[in-house]
Amino acid sequence: MEEEKIFEKRWQLASTEQKARYYNLISSYPTIDWTFKEKKYLLWLCQLDIDTFETFEVILSKVKQNNNKRANL
């Protein structure tokens, strides 16, 4: 419950742009059931500067591609 309260507080403080980044990031992985602790960290990542955030998105994309390749073996 504590993690949920922290997430909600940070959500209220997030800008529209940060919320849009968060929605984009979370919707890229629709099959994952995110915990509030994970959501809290994802929102934090979305509050980073745009270059850092985009770099993180590239890394996640590569991890996802690698996992897809392994699943197809």
N, C-alpha and C. Protein backbone atom coordinates (compact mmCIF):
# COMPACT_ATOMS: atom_id res chain seq x y z
N MET A 1 0.81 -1.19 0.00
CA MET A 1 0.00 0.00 0.00
C MET A 1 0.86 1.26 0.00
N GLU A 2 1.99 1.19 0.68
CA GLU A 2 2.90 2.33 0.73
C GLU A 2 3.38 2.72 -0.66
N GLU A 3 3.75 1.72 -1.46
CA GLU A 3 4.24 1.99 -2.82
C GLU A 3 3.15 2.66 -3.65
N GLU A 4 1.90 2.26 -3.46
CA GLU A 4 0.80 2.85 -4.21
C GLU A 4 0.64 4.33 -3.85
N LYS A 5 0.76 4.66 -2.58
CA LYS A 5 0.65 6.06 -2.15
C LYS A 5 1.78 6.90 -2.73
N ILE A 6 2.98 6.35 -2.72
CA ILE A 6 4.13 7.07 -3.29
C ILE A 6 3.91 7.30 -4.78
N PHE A 7 3.46 6.26 -5.49
CA PHE A 7 3.20 6.40 -6.91
C PHE A 7 2.15 7.48 -7.17
N GLU A 8 1.05 7.44 -6.43
CA GLU A 8 -0.03 8.42 -6.62
C GLU A 8 0.47 9.84 -6.38
N LYS A 9 1.29 10.03 -5.37
CA LYS A 9 1.82 11.36 -5.08
C LYS A 9 2.72 11.84 -6.22
N ARG A 10 3.58 10.96 -6.69
CA ARG A 10 4.47 11.33 -7.81
C ARG A 10 3.67 11.58 -9.09
N TRP A 11 2.59 10.80 -9.26
CA TRP A 11 1.74 10.98 -10.45
C TRP A 11 1.12 12.37 -10.45
N GLN A 12 0.66 12.82 -9.30
CA GLN A 12 0.05 14.14 -9.18
C GLN A 12 1.04 15.25 -9.52
N LEU A 13 2.30 15.02 -9.23
CA LEU A 13 3.34 16.02 -9.47
C LEU A 13 3.92 15.96 -10.89
N ALA A 14 3.63 14.89 -11.60
CA ALA A 14 4.20 14.71 -12.95
C ALA A 14 3.56 15.68 -13.94
N SER A 15 4.36 16.11 -14.91
CA SER A 15 3.86 16.99 -15.96
C SER A 15 3.08 16.17 -16.99
N THR A 16 2.37 16.86 -17.85
CA THR A 16 1.63 16.20 -18.92
C THR A 16 2.57 15.42 -19.82
N GLU A 17 3.72 15.99 -20.11
CA GLU A 17 4.72 15.32 -20.96
C GLU A 17 5.25 14.04 -20.29
N GLN A 18 5.50 14.12 -19.01
CA GLN A 18 5.99 12.95 -18.28
C GLN A 18 4.93 11.85 -18.24
N LYS A 19 3.68 12.24 -18.05
CA LYS A 19 2.59 11.26 -18.05
C LYS A 19 2.45 10.60 -19.43
N ALA A 20 2.63 11.39 -20.48
CA ALA A 20 2.55 10.84 -21.84
C ALA A 20 3.67 9.84 -22.07
N ARG A 21 4.88 10.14 -21.61
CA ARG A 21 6.00 9.20 -21.73
C ARG A 21 5.69 7.92 -20.96
N TYR A 22 5.14 8.08 -19.77
CA TYR A 22 4.79 6.93 -18.94
C TYR A 22 3.77 6.04 -19.66
N TYR A 23 2.70 6.65 -20.18
CA TYR A 23 1.69 5.87 -20.89
C TYR A 23 2.28 5.15 -22.10
N ASN A 24 3.15 5.83 -22.83
CA ASN A 24 3.80 5.23 -23.99
C ASN A 24 4.67 4.04 -23.57
N LEU A 25 5.41 4.22 -22.51
CA LEU A 25 6.29 3.15 -22.03
C LEU A 25 5.49 1.96 -21.53
N ILE A 26 4.50 2.19 -20.72
CA ILE A 26 3.73 1.10 -20.13
C ILE A 26 2.89 0.38 -21.18
N SER A 27 2.42 1.11 -22.19
CA SER A 27 1.61 0.48 -23.24
C SER A 27 2.46 -0.34 -24.20
N SER A 28 3.76 -0.13 -24.18
CA SER A 28 4.67 -0.93 -25.02
C SER A 28 4.81 -2.36 -24.49
N TYR A 29 4.41 -2.58 -23.27
CA TYR A 29 4.53 -3.88 -22.63
C TYR A 29 3.19 -4.26 -21.99
N PRO A 30 2.15 -4.47 -22.82
CA PRO A 30 0.80 -4.69 -22.30
C PRO A 30 0.61 -6.00 -21.55
N THR A 31 1.47 -6.95 -21.76
CA THR A 31 1.29 -8.25 -21.10
C THR A 31 1.93 -8.32 -19.71
N ILE A 32 2.63 -7.26 -19.33
CA ILE A 32 3.29 -7.24 -18.03
C ILE A 32 2.34 -6.68 -16.98
N ASP A 33 2.24 -7.35 -15.86
CA ASP A 33 1.43 -6.89 -14.74
C ASP A 33 2.37 -6.13 -13.81
N TRP A 34 2.43 -4.81 -13.95
CA TRP A 34 3.36 -3.98 -13.20
C TRP A 34 2.91 -3.80 -11.75
N THR A 35 3.82 -3.91 -10.82
CA THR A 35 3.54 -3.61 -9.41
C THR A 35 3.64 -2.09 -9.24
N PHE A 36 3.12 -1.58 -8.13
CA PHE A 36 3.22 -0.14 -7.90
C PHE A 36 4.67 0.28 -7.69
N LYS A 37 5.48 -0.60 -7.14
CA LYS A 37 6.90 -0.28 -6.99
C LYS A 37 7.53 -0.10 -8.37
N GLU A 38 7.22 -1.00 -9.30
CA GLU A 38 7.75 -0.89 -10.66
C GLU A 38 7.19 0.35 -11.36
N LYS A 39 5.91 0.60 -11.18
CA LYS A 39 5.29 1.79 -11.78
C LYS A 39 5.94 3.07 -11.26
N LYS A 40 6.26 3.05 -9.98
CA LYS A 40 6.93 4.21 -9.37
C LYS A 40 8.26 4.49 -10.06
N TYR A 41 9.03 3.41 -10.29
CA TYR A 41 10.32 3.58 -10.96
C TYR A 41 10.17 3.95 -12.43
N LEU A 42 9.16 3.40 -13.09
CA LEU A 42 8.92 3.77 -14.48
C LEU A 42 8.57 5.25 -14.59
N LEU A 43 7.74 5.73 -13.68
CA LEU A 43 7.39 7.15 -13.68
C LEU A 43 8.62 7.99 -13.42
N TRP A 44 9.47 7.55 -12.52
CA TRP A 44 10.71 8.27 -12.24
C TRP A 44 11.57 8.35 -13.50
N LEU A 45 11.67 7.25 -14.24
CA LEU A 45 12.43 7.26 -15.49
C LEU A 45 11.86 8.27 -16.47
N CYS A 46 10.55 8.40 -16.49
CA CYS A 46 9.90 9.32 -17.41
C CYS A 46 10.13 10.78 -17.01
N GLN A 47 10.62 11.00 -15.81
CA GLN A 47 10.91 12.35 -15.36
C GLN A 47 12.35 12.77 -15.66
N LEU A 48 13.12 11.85 -16.22
CA LEU A 48 14.48 12.17 -16.62
C LEU A 48 14.45 13.06 -17.86
N ASP A 49 15.56 13.67 -18.19
CA ASP A 49 15.59 14.48 -19.39
C ASP A 49 15.34 13.59 -20.61
N ILE A 50 14.91 14.19 -21.70
CA ILE A 50 14.45 13.44 -22.87
C ILE A 50 15.55 12.56 -23.47
N ASP A 51 16.79 13.01 -23.48
CA ASP A 51 17.88 12.20 -24.05
C ASP A 51 18.10 10.94 -23.23
N THR A 52 18.08 11.05 -21.92
CA THR A 52 18.25 9.89 -21.06
C THR A 52 17.08 8.94 -21.24
N PHE A 53 15.87 9.48 -21.30
CA PHE A 53 14.69 8.66 -21.47
C PHE A 53 14.72 7.91 -22.80
N GLU A 54 15.07 8.61 -23.87
CA GLU A 54 15.13 7.96 -25.18
C GLU A 54 16.20 6.87 -25.21
N THR A 55 17.32 7.09 -24.54
CA THR A 55 18.36 6.07 -24.45
C THR A 55 17.82 4.85 -23.72
N PHE A 56 17.08 5.07 -22.66
CA PHE A 56 16.48 3.97 -21.91
C PHE A 56 15.50 3.20 -22.80
N GLU A 57 14.71 3.90 -23.60
CA GLU A 57 13.77 3.24 -24.51
C GLU A 57 14.51 2.36 -25.52
N VAL A 58 15.64 2.82 -26.03
CA VAL A 58 16.44 2.04 -26.97
C VAL A 58 16.93 0.76 -26.29
N ILE A 59 17.39 0.89 -25.06
CA ILE A 59 17.88 -0.28 -24.32
C ILE A 59 16.75 -1.28 -24.11
N LEU A 60 15.57 -0.81 -23.70
CA LEU A 60 14.43 -1.71 -23.51
C LEU A 60 14.04 -2.39 -24.81
N SER A 61 14.10 -1.66 -25.91
CA SER A 61 13.77 -2.23 -27.21
C SER A 61 14.73 -3.37 -27.56
N LYS A 62 16.00 -3.17 -27.29
CA LYS A 62 17.00 -4.21 -27.58
C LYS A 62 16.79 -5.43 -26.70
N VAL A 63 16.44 -5.21 -25.44
CA VAL A 63 16.17 -6.33 -24.53
C VAL A 63 14.96 -7.10 -25.04
N LYS A 64 13.94 -6.38 -25.45
CA LYS A 64 12.73 -7.02 -25.96
C LYS A 64 13.03 -7.84 -27.21
N GLN A 65 13.81 -7.28 -28.14
CA GLN A 65 14.18 -7.99 -29.36
C GLN A 65 14.98 -9.25 -29.03
N ASN A 66 15.90 -9.13 -28.09
CA ASN A 66 16.71 -10.27 -27.69
C ASN A 66 15.83 -11.37 -27.08
N ASN A 67 14.89 -10.98 -26.25
CA ASN A 67 13.98 -11.96 -25.64
C ASN A 67 13.12 -12.63 -26.71
N ASN A 68 12.69 -11.88 -27.72
CA ASN A 68 11.89 -12.45 -28.80
C ASN A 68 12.71 -13.46 -29.60
N LYS A 69 13.98 -13.15 -29.83
CA LYS A 69 14.86 -14.08 -30.55
C LYS A 69 15.03 -15.38 -29.77
N ARG A 70 15.20 -15.26 -28.47
CA ARG A 70 15.36 -16.45 -27.63
C ARG A 70 14.09 -17.30 -27.63
N ALA A 71 12.94 -16.65 -27.63
CA ALA A 71 11.67 -17.37 -27.62
C ALA A 71 11.45 -18.13 -28.91
N ASN A 72 12.03 -17.63 -30.01
CA ASN A 72 11.86 -18.27 -31.30
C ASN A 72 12.85 -19.39 -31.56
N LEU A 73 13.79 -19.60 -30.67
CA LEU A 73 14.78 -20.68 -30.87
C LEU A 73 14.20 -22.02 -30.60
